[in-house]
Amino acid sequence: MRHFGRLIWIVIYGISTVSCQVKVEGFISDSVLLPCIYREGPLPDQFNVHWRDKDDKIVLDINNRVQDLTTQDQVFKGRVRSFPDEYKAGNFTVVLEQARQSDSGIYECHVPKVDFQRRVQLTVAGVKPTPSPGPRVGDGAVTLSSSVLPLLSAPVFLFWL
């Protein structure tokens, strides 16, 4: 019985890390958003965030709220942006620019100090299809395109008088 109690503690301890996976799809040469938002509680004054790809290459390190590009893997140099003003709110989302098919795979965002981990499954498909021409002005509708619209979780409706 004594060993059984230890086993339960090990199992519970082993699953305490907060982790979930998000699926993101993008196209070759596009910018893709890899979300990582911590909302489980307050962040400590000093913390680190580690973004890694499927091969454990360094996508981005954030050390004490400052990006450290010196450790970044060569394949990601000049292609990764984050939002430093959002760190204090727990937003460690990155944008991967000029997506390549070889970028497809699992990405992990890890905040060790609060035991938080976010997994992002990125799929980079072929070239983005060219949108078909929308209706002409005067037909009662206008088609707007934007690289931001696919990132929104709900449809956007615009009205004007």
N, C-alpha and C. Protein backbone atom coordinates (compact mmCIF):
# COMPACT_ATOMS: atom_id res chain seq x y z
N MET A 1 0.83 -1.19 0.00
CA MET A 1 0.00 0.00 0.00
C MET A 1 0.87 1.25 0.00
N ARG A 2 2.00 1.17 0.68
CA ARG A 2 2.91 2.31 0.77
C ARG A 2 3.43 2.69 -0.62
N HIS A 3 3.77 1.72 -1.43
CA HIS A 3 4.28 1.98 -2.78
C HIS A 3 3.18 2.50 -3.69
N PHE A 4 1.96 2.06 -3.47
CA PHE A 4 0.83 2.52 -4.27
C PHE A 4 0.63 4.03 -4.12
N GLY A 5 0.75 4.54 -2.90
CA GLY A 5 0.63 5.98 -2.64
C GLY A 5 1.70 6.77 -3.37
N ARG A 6 2.92 6.26 -3.42
CA ARG A 6 4.00 6.94 -4.16
C ARG A 6 3.71 6.95 -5.66
N LEU A 7 3.19 5.85 -6.16
CA LEU A 7 2.88 5.77 -7.58
C LEU A 7 1.83 6.80 -7.97
N ILE A 8 0.79 6.95 -7.16
CA ILE A 8 -0.24 7.95 -7.44
C ILE A 8 0.36 9.34 -7.43
N TRP A 9 1.23 9.64 -6.46
CA TRP A 9 1.86 10.96 -6.38
C TRP A 9 2.70 11.22 -7.62
N ILE A 10 3.44 10.23 -8.10
CA ILE A 10 4.27 10.39 -9.29
C ILE A 10 3.39 10.66 -10.51
N VAL A 11 2.30 9.92 -10.65
CA VAL A 11 1.40 10.13 -11.78
C VAL A 11 0.80 11.53 -11.73
N ILE A 12 0.31 11.95 -10.57
CA ILE A 12 -0.28 13.29 -10.45
C ILE A 12 0.78 14.36 -10.70
N TYR A 13 1.96 14.20 -10.13
CA TYR A 13 3.04 15.17 -10.33
C TYR A 13 3.41 15.25 -11.80
N GLY A 14 3.44 14.10 -12.48
CA GLY A 14 3.84 14.06 -13.88
C GLY A 14 2.85 14.72 -14.82
N ILE A 15 1.59 14.87 -14.41
CA ILE A 15 0.61 15.48 -15.31
C ILE A 15 0.23 16.89 -14.88
N SER A 16 1.02 17.48 -14.00
CA SER A 16 0.66 18.81 -13.52
C SER A 16 0.93 19.92 -14.53
N THR A 17 1.78 19.68 -15.51
CA THR A 17 2.07 20.70 -16.50
C THR A 17 0.83 21.01 -17.31
N VAL A 18 0.52 22.30 -17.46
CA VAL A 18 -0.61 22.73 -18.27
C VAL A 18 -0.17 22.68 -19.73
N SER A 19 -0.84 21.92 -20.55
CA SER A 19 -0.43 21.77 -21.94
C SER A 19 -1.65 21.49 -22.79
N CYS A 20 -1.68 22.07 -23.95
CA CYS A 20 -2.70 21.71 -24.92
C CYS A 20 -2.16 22.03 -26.31
N GLN A 21 -2.81 21.53 -27.32
CA GLN A 21 -2.31 21.68 -28.68
C GLN A 21 -3.30 22.43 -29.54
N VAL A 22 -2.77 23.33 -30.35
CA VAL A 22 -3.56 24.13 -31.28
C VAL A 22 -3.10 23.77 -32.69
N LYS A 23 -4.04 23.74 -33.63
CA LYS A 23 -3.68 23.47 -35.03
C LYS A 23 -3.71 24.78 -35.81
N VAL A 24 -2.64 25.03 -36.56
CA VAL A 24 -2.53 26.24 -37.38
C VAL A 24 -2.19 25.80 -38.80
N GLU A 25 -2.87 26.41 -39.78
CA GLU A 25 -2.59 26.12 -41.18
C GLU A 25 -2.14 27.39 -41.87
N GLY A 26 -1.19 27.26 -42.76
CA GLY A 26 -0.69 28.40 -43.52
C GLY A 26 -0.26 27.96 -44.90
N PHE A 27 0.18 28.92 -45.68
CA PHE A 27 0.63 28.65 -47.04
C PHE A 27 2.08 29.08 -47.21
N ILE A 28 2.73 28.49 -48.17
CA ILE A 28 4.13 28.83 -48.47
C ILE A 28 4.24 30.33 -48.73
N SER A 29 5.26 30.94 -48.15
CA SER A 29 5.59 32.37 -48.26
C SER A 29 4.69 33.27 -47.43
N ASP A 30 3.68 32.74 -46.77
CA ASP A 30 2.81 33.54 -45.90
C ASP A 30 3.43 33.70 -44.52
N SER A 31 2.85 34.58 -43.74
CA SER A 31 3.18 34.70 -42.32
C SER A 31 2.14 33.90 -41.55
N VAL A 32 2.59 33.12 -40.57
CA VAL A 32 1.67 32.32 -39.77
C VAL A 32 1.83 32.69 -38.29
N LEU A 33 0.72 32.72 -37.59
CA LEU A 33 0.69 33.08 -36.18
C LEU A 33 0.71 31.80 -35.35
N LEU A 34 1.70 31.68 -34.47
CA LEU A 34 1.78 30.54 -33.56
C LEU A 34 1.41 31.04 -32.17
N PRO A 35 0.19 30.75 -31.71
CA PRO A 35 -0.29 31.33 -30.46
C PRO A 35 0.28 30.66 -29.21
N CYS A 36 0.54 31.48 -28.21
CA CYS A 36 0.95 30.99 -26.90
C CYS A 36 0.54 32.04 -25.88
N ILE A 37 -0.57 31.80 -25.21
CA ILE A 37 -1.09 32.77 -24.25
C ILE A 37 -1.28 32.06 -22.91
N TYR A 38 -0.63 32.58 -21.89
CA TYR A 38 -0.72 32.05 -20.54
C TYR A 38 -1.72 32.86 -19.75
N ARG A 39 -2.77 32.18 -19.27
CA ARG A 39 -3.80 32.86 -18.48
C ARG A 39 -4.16 32.05 -17.23
N GLU A 40 -3.22 31.25 -16.77
CA GLU A 40 -3.49 30.37 -15.64
C GLU A 40 -3.31 31.05 -14.29
N GLY A 41 -2.78 32.27 -14.28
CA GLY A 41 -2.53 32.98 -13.03
C GLY A 41 -1.48 34.05 -13.26
N PRO A 42 -1.05 34.72 -12.21
CA PRO A 42 -0.06 35.78 -12.38
C PRO A 42 1.31 35.21 -12.75
N LEU A 43 2.05 35.98 -13.52
CA LEU A 43 3.42 35.61 -13.88
C LEU A 43 4.38 36.18 -12.84
N PRO A 44 5.47 35.48 -12.57
CA PRO A 44 6.47 36.05 -11.67
C PRO A 44 7.16 37.25 -12.33
N ASP A 45 7.87 38.04 -11.55
CA ASP A 45 8.57 39.21 -12.11
C ASP A 45 9.60 38.80 -13.15
N GLN A 46 10.32 37.73 -12.89
CA GLN A 46 11.33 37.23 -13.82
C GLN A 46 10.91 35.86 -14.32
N PHE A 47 10.93 35.67 -15.63
CA PHE A 47 10.59 34.37 -16.21
C PHE A 47 11.21 34.26 -17.59
N ASN A 48 11.31 33.02 -18.05
CA ASN A 48 11.83 32.74 -19.38
C ASN A 48 10.76 32.00 -20.18
N VAL A 49 10.82 32.17 -21.50
CA VAL A 49 9.92 31.46 -22.41
C VAL A 49 10.80 30.85 -23.50
N HIS A 50 10.53 29.60 -23.82
CA HIS A 50 11.33 28.90 -24.83
C HIS A 50 10.42 28.37 -25.93
N TRP A 51 10.63 28.83 -27.15
CA TRP A 51 9.93 28.31 -28.32
C TRP A 51 10.88 27.33 -29.02
N ARG A 52 10.38 26.11 -29.30
CA ARG A 52 11.18 25.10 -29.99
C ARG A 52 10.35 24.48 -31.10
N ASP A 53 11.05 24.01 -32.15
CA ASP A 53 10.34 23.35 -33.25
C ASP A 53 10.39 21.84 -33.07
N LYS A 54 9.92 21.13 -34.08
CA LYS A 54 9.82 19.67 -34.03
C LYS A 54 11.17 18.98 -33.83
N ASP A 55 12.25 19.64 -34.27
CA ASP A 55 13.60 19.08 -34.14
C ASP A 55 14.35 19.67 -32.95
N ASP A 56 13.63 20.33 -32.06
CA ASP A 56 14.19 20.98 -30.87
C ASP A 56 15.12 22.14 -31.23
N LYS A 57 14.93 22.70 -32.42
CA LYS A 57 15.69 23.90 -32.80
C LYS A 57 15.09 25.11 -32.08
N ILE A 58 15.94 26.07 -31.75
CA ILE A 58 15.48 27.25 -31.03
C ILE A 58 14.81 28.22 -32.00
N VAL A 59 13.51 28.38 -31.83
CA VAL A 59 12.73 29.33 -32.62
C VAL A 59 12.92 30.72 -32.01
N LEU A 60 12.73 30.81 -30.69
CA LEU A 60 12.91 32.07 -29.97
C LEU A 60 13.03 31.78 -28.49
N ASP A 61 13.97 32.47 -27.85
CA ASP A 61 14.07 32.46 -26.39
C ASP A 61 13.74 33.85 -25.89
N ILE A 62 12.96 33.91 -24.84
CA ILE A 62 12.66 35.17 -24.15
C ILE A 62 13.20 34.99 -22.73
N ASN A 63 14.23 35.75 -22.40
CA ASN A 63 14.87 35.64 -21.09
C ASN A 63 14.61 36.90 -20.29
N ASN A 64 13.93 36.72 -19.16
CA ASN A 64 13.58 37.86 -18.30
C ASN A 64 12.89 38.97 -19.09
N ARG A 65 11.91 38.56 -19.88
CA ARG A 65 11.06 39.48 -20.67
C ARG A 65 11.78 40.17 -21.82
N VAL A 66 12.94 39.65 -22.24
CA VAL A 66 13.70 40.23 -23.35
C VAL A 66 14.00 39.12 -24.35
N GLN A 67 13.73 39.39 -25.65
CA GLN A 67 14.06 38.42 -26.69
C GLN A 67 15.56 38.22 -26.75
N ASP A 68 15.98 36.97 -26.86
CA ASP A 68 17.40 36.64 -27.02
C ASP A 68 17.58 36.01 -28.39
N LEU A 69 17.96 36.82 -29.36
CA LEU A 69 18.11 36.33 -30.73
C LEU A 69 19.47 35.67 -30.96
N THR A 70 20.38 35.77 -29.99
CA THR A 70 21.72 35.18 -30.16
C THR A 70 21.66 33.66 -30.14
N THR A 71 20.66 33.08 -29.51
CA THR A 71 20.56 31.63 -29.42
C THR A 71 19.68 31.03 -30.53
N GLN A 72 19.04 31.88 -31.31
CA GLN A 72 18.08 31.45 -32.32
C GLN A 72 18.75 30.62 -33.41
N ASP A 73 18.10 29.53 -33.80
CA ASP A 73 18.63 28.69 -34.87
C ASP A 73 18.63 29.46 -36.18
N GLN A 74 19.64 29.19 -37.00
CA GLN A 74 19.83 29.90 -38.26
C GLN A 74 18.60 29.84 -39.17
N VAL A 75 17.88 28.73 -39.16
CA VAL A 75 16.72 28.58 -40.04
C VAL A 75 15.60 29.58 -39.71
N PHE A 76 15.61 30.12 -38.48
CA PHE A 76 14.56 31.06 -38.08
C PHE A 76 15.02 32.52 -38.04
N LYS A 77 16.31 32.76 -38.26
CA LYS A 77 16.85 34.13 -38.20
C LYS A 77 16.11 35.03 -39.19
N GLY A 78 15.62 36.17 -38.72
CA GLY A 78 14.93 37.13 -39.57
C GLY A 78 13.52 36.74 -39.96
N ARG A 79 13.02 35.62 -39.44
CA ARG A 79 11.69 35.14 -39.83
C ARG A 79 10.70 35.07 -38.67
N VAL A 80 11.15 35.39 -37.45
CA VAL A 80 10.28 35.25 -36.28
C VAL A 80 10.13 36.60 -35.59
N ARG A 81 8.87 36.97 -35.35
CA ARG A 81 8.55 38.19 -34.60
C ARG A 81 7.71 37.81 -33.40
N SER A 82 7.87 38.58 -32.34
CA SER A 82 6.99 38.41 -31.19
C SER A 82 6.49 39.79 -30.77
N PHE A 83 5.79 39.83 -29.67
CA PHE A 83 5.14 41.07 -29.24
C PHE A 83 5.56 41.40 -27.81
N PRO A 84 6.76 42.00 -27.63
CA PRO A 84 7.30 42.26 -26.29
C PRO A 84 6.36 43.04 -25.38
N ASP A 85 5.57 43.94 -25.93
CA ASP A 85 4.64 44.70 -25.10
C ASP A 85 3.54 43.82 -24.50
N GLU A 86 3.36 42.63 -25.06
CA GLU A 86 2.31 41.71 -24.59
C GLU A 86 2.82 40.68 -23.58
N TYR A 87 4.13 40.61 -23.38
CA TYR A 87 4.68 39.59 -22.47
C TYR A 87 4.07 39.70 -21.08
N LYS A 88 3.95 40.91 -20.57
CA LYS A 88 3.44 41.08 -19.19
C LYS A 88 2.01 40.57 -19.04
N ALA A 89 1.27 40.51 -20.16
CA ALA A 89 -0.10 39.98 -20.14
C ALA A 89 -0.13 38.47 -20.39
N GLY A 90 1.05 37.84 -20.53
CA GLY A 90 1.11 36.41 -20.75
C GLY A 90 1.00 35.99 -22.20
N ASN A 91 1.14 36.94 -23.13
CA ASN A 91 1.03 36.63 -24.55
C ASN A 91 2.43 36.47 -25.14
N PHE A 92 2.79 35.23 -25.46
CA PHE A 92 4.11 34.92 -26.02
C PHE A 92 3.98 34.41 -27.45
N THR A 93 2.90 34.81 -28.11
CA THR A 93 2.64 34.44 -29.49
C THR A 93 3.77 34.93 -30.38
N VAL A 94 4.10 34.12 -31.40
CA VAL A 94 5.10 34.54 -32.39
C VAL A 94 4.50 34.46 -33.78
N VAL A 95 5.07 35.24 -34.68
CA VAL A 95 4.71 35.19 -36.09
C VAL A 95 5.91 34.62 -36.83
N LEU A 96 5.68 33.57 -37.59
CA LEU A 96 6.71 32.97 -38.43
C LEU A 96 6.47 33.46 -39.84
N GLU A 97 7.42 34.24 -40.36
CA GLU A 97 7.26 34.84 -41.69
C GLU A 97 7.91 33.96 -42.76
N GLN A 98 7.47 34.17 -43.99
CA GLN A 98 7.99 33.41 -45.13
C GLN A 98 7.96 31.91 -44.85
N ALA A 99 6.76 31.42 -44.52
CA ALA A 99 6.60 30.01 -44.17
C ALA A 99 7.06 29.11 -45.30
N ARG A 100 7.67 28.02 -44.90
CA ARG A 100 8.17 26.99 -45.84
C ARG A 100 7.47 25.68 -45.50
N GLN A 101 7.38 24.82 -46.50
CA GLN A 101 6.75 23.52 -46.24
C GLN A 101 7.53 22.77 -45.15
N SER A 102 8.83 22.95 -45.11
CA SER A 102 9.66 22.28 -44.10
C SER A 102 9.40 22.81 -42.68
N ASP A 103 8.69 23.93 -42.56
CA ASP A 103 8.32 24.46 -41.24
C ASP A 103 7.19 23.66 -40.60
N SER A 104 6.50 22.84 -41.38
CA SER A 104 5.38 22.05 -40.84
C SER A 104 5.85 21.16 -39.70
N GLY A 105 5.01 21.04 -38.68
CA GLY A 105 5.33 20.17 -37.55
C GLY A 105 4.88 20.78 -36.24
N ILE A 106 5.32 20.17 -35.16
CA ILE A 106 4.95 20.61 -33.81
C ILE A 106 5.92 21.68 -33.32
N TYR A 107 5.35 22.74 -32.75
CA TYR A 107 6.13 23.79 -32.09
C TYR A 107 5.68 23.83 -30.64
N GLU A 108 6.64 24.08 -29.75
CA GLU A 108 6.31 24.16 -28.32
C GLU A 108 6.76 25.48 -27.73
N CYS A 109 5.86 26.05 -26.97
CA CYS A 109 6.12 27.27 -26.19
C CYS A 109 6.10 26.83 -24.73
N HIS A 110 7.20 27.04 -24.03
CA HIS A 110 7.32 26.55 -22.66
C HIS A 110 7.73 27.68 -21.72
N VAL A 111 6.98 27.83 -20.65
CA VAL A 111 7.29 28.81 -19.60
C VAL A 111 7.58 27.99 -18.34
N PRO A 112 8.86 27.63 -18.12
CA PRO A 112 9.18 26.71 -17.03
C PRO A 112 8.78 27.20 -15.64
N LYS A 113 8.93 28.47 -15.37
CA LYS A 113 8.71 28.99 -14.00
C LYS A 113 7.27 28.76 -13.53
N VAL A 114 6.31 28.72 -14.47
CA VAL A 114 4.91 28.48 -14.10
C VAL A 114 4.41 27.13 -14.61
N ASP A 115 5.35 26.30 -15.10
CA ASP A 115 5.03 24.95 -15.56
C ASP A 115 3.95 24.96 -16.64
N PHE A 116 4.11 25.84 -17.63
CA PHE A 116 3.12 25.98 -18.70
C PHE A 116 3.76 25.59 -20.03
N GLN A 117 2.99 24.87 -20.83
CA GLN A 117 3.48 24.46 -22.14
C GLN A 117 2.32 24.51 -23.13
N ARG A 118 2.57 25.07 -24.31
CA ARG A 118 1.58 25.12 -25.38
C ARG A 118 2.21 24.45 -26.60
N ARG A 119 1.47 23.52 -27.20
CA ARG A 119 1.94 22.86 -28.43
C ARG A 119 1.11 23.37 -29.59
N VAL A 120 1.79 23.69 -30.68
CA VAL A 120 1.13 24.19 -31.88
C VAL A 120 1.51 23.27 -33.03
N GLN A 121 0.50 22.71 -33.68
CA GLN A 121 0.72 21.86 -34.86
C GLN A 121 0.58 22.74 -36.09
N LEU A 122 1.70 23.01 -36.76
CA LEU A 122 1.69 23.86 -37.95
C LEU A 122 1.71 22.99 -39.20
N THR A 123 0.80 23.29 -40.11
CA THR A 123 0.79 22.66 -41.42
C THR A 123 0.92 23.76 -42.46
N VAL A 124 1.99 23.68 -43.25
CA VAL A 124 2.20 24.64 -44.33
C VAL A 124 1.88 23.93 -45.63
N ALA A 125 0.82 24.38 -46.30
CA ALA A 125 0.37 23.78 -47.55
C ALA A 125 1.05 24.47 -48.72
N GLY A 126 0.60 24.15 -49.91
CA GLY A 126 1.16 24.76 -51.12
C GLY A 126 0.94 26.26 -51.16
N VAL A 127 1.07 26.81 -52.33
CA VAL A 127 0.92 28.25 -52.51
C VAL A 127 -0.53 28.65 -52.28
N LYS A 128 -0.72 29.79 -51.66
CA LYS A 128 -2.06 30.31 -51.36
C LYS A 128 -2.84 30.48 -52.66
N PRO A 129 -4.06 29.95 -52.72
CA PRO A 129 -4.86 30.10 -53.93
C PRO A 129 -5.22 31.57 -54.17
N THR A 130 -5.27 31.94 -55.42
CA THR A 130 -5.67 33.30 -55.79
C THR A 130 -7.18 33.41 -55.62
N PRO A 131 -7.63 34.41 -54.86
CA PRO A 131 -9.08 34.55 -54.68
C PRO A 131 -9.77 34.91 -55.99
N SER A 132 -10.97 34.38 -56.16
CA SER A 132 -11.72 34.73 -57.36
C SER A 132 -12.19 36.17 -57.24
N PRO A 133 -12.34 36.84 -58.36
CA PRO A 133 -12.79 38.24 -58.28
C PRO A 133 -14.16 38.33 -57.63
N GLY A 134 -14.31 39.30 -56.76
CA GLY A 134 -15.57 39.51 -56.06
C GLY A 134 -16.54 40.27 -56.93
N PRO A 135 -17.69 40.55 -56.39
CA PRO A 135 -18.71 41.29 -57.14
C PRO A 135 -18.25 42.72 -57.42
N ARG A 136 -18.78 43.26 -58.48
CA ARG A 136 -18.46 44.65 -58.84
C ARG A 136 -19.17 45.59 -57.89
N VAL A 137 -18.59 46.76 -57.68
CA VAL A 137 -19.24 47.78 -56.87
C VAL A 137 -20.57 48.11 -57.54
N GLY A 138 -21.61 48.21 -56.78
CA GLY A 138 -22.94 48.47 -57.33
C GLY A 138 -23.79 47.21 -57.32
N ASP A 139 -23.15 46.04 -57.12
CA ASP A 139 -23.89 44.79 -57.03
C ASP A 139 -24.44 44.56 -55.63
N GLY A 140 -24.17 45.49 -54.71
CA GLY A 140 -24.68 45.36 -53.35
C GLY A 140 -23.71 44.72 -52.39
N ALA A 141 -22.53 44.31 -52.87
CA ALA A 141 -21.56 43.70 -51.97
C ALA A 141 -20.15 44.00 -52.47
N VAL A 142 -19.23 44.02 -51.56
CA VAL A 142 -17.82 44.21 -51.90
C VAL A 142 -17.04 43.17 -51.12
N THR A 143 -16.10 42.51 -51.79
CA THR A 143 -15.26 41.53 -51.12
C THR A 143 -13.98 42.21 -50.65
N LEU A 144 -13.70 42.05 -49.36
CA LEU A 144 -12.47 42.59 -48.79
C LEU A 144 -11.57 41.43 -48.44
N SER A 145 -10.29 41.57 -48.73
CA SER A 145 -9.36 40.52 -48.32
C SER A 145 -8.33 41.13 -47.40
N SER A 146 -7.87 40.30 -46.48
CA SER A 146 -6.88 40.77 -45.51
C SER A 146 -6.15 39.56 -44.96
N SER A 147 -4.88 39.74 -44.67
CA SER A 147 -4.14 38.63 -44.07
C SER A 147 -4.51 38.44 -42.61
N VAL A 148 -5.22 39.37 -42.02
CA VAL A 148 -5.62 39.26 -40.62
C VAL A 148 -6.91 38.47 -40.48
N LEU A 149 -7.81 38.55 -41.44
CA LEU A 149 -9.11 37.91 -41.32
C LEU A 149 -9.04 36.42 -41.00
N PRO A 150 -8.09 35.63 -41.59
CA PRO A 150 -8.06 34.21 -41.23
C PRO A 150 -7.70 33.97 -39.77
N LEU A 151 -7.13 34.94 -39.08
CA LEU A 151 -6.72 34.76 -37.69
C LEU A 151 -7.87 34.96 -36.72
N LEU A 152 -8.95 35.56 -37.18
CA LEU A 152 -10.08 35.84 -36.30
C LEU A 152 -10.91 34.59 -36.11
N SER A 153 -11.49 34.44 -34.95
CA SER A 153 -12.25 33.22 -34.66
C SER A 153 -13.72 33.33 -35.07
N ALA A 154 -14.18 34.51 -35.41
CA ALA A 154 -15.58 34.69 -35.79
C ALA A 154 -15.65 35.50 -37.08
N PRO A 155 -16.73 35.35 -37.84
CA PRO A 155 -16.86 36.14 -39.06
C PRO A 155 -16.90 37.64 -38.73
N VAL A 156 -16.43 38.42 -39.67
CA VAL A 156 -16.44 39.87 -39.51
C VAL A 156 -17.41 40.44 -40.54
N PHE A 157 -18.33 41.26 -40.10
CA PHE A 157 -19.29 41.90 -40.99
C PHE A 157 -19.07 43.40 -40.93
N LEU A 158 -18.99 44.02 -42.09
CA LEU A 158 -18.81 45.46 -42.16
C LEU A 158 -20.07 46.07 -42.79
N PHE A 159 -20.56 47.12 -42.19
CA PHE A 159 -21.73 47.81 -42.71
C PHE A 159 -21.39 49.27 -42.91
N TRP A 160 -21.92 49.87 -43.93
CA TRP A 160 -21.79 51.31 -44.12
C TRP A 160 -23.05 51.84 -44.75
N LEU A 161 -23.29 53.08 -44.53
CA LEU A 161 -24.51 53.71 -45.04
C LEU A 161 -24.20 54.61 -46.19
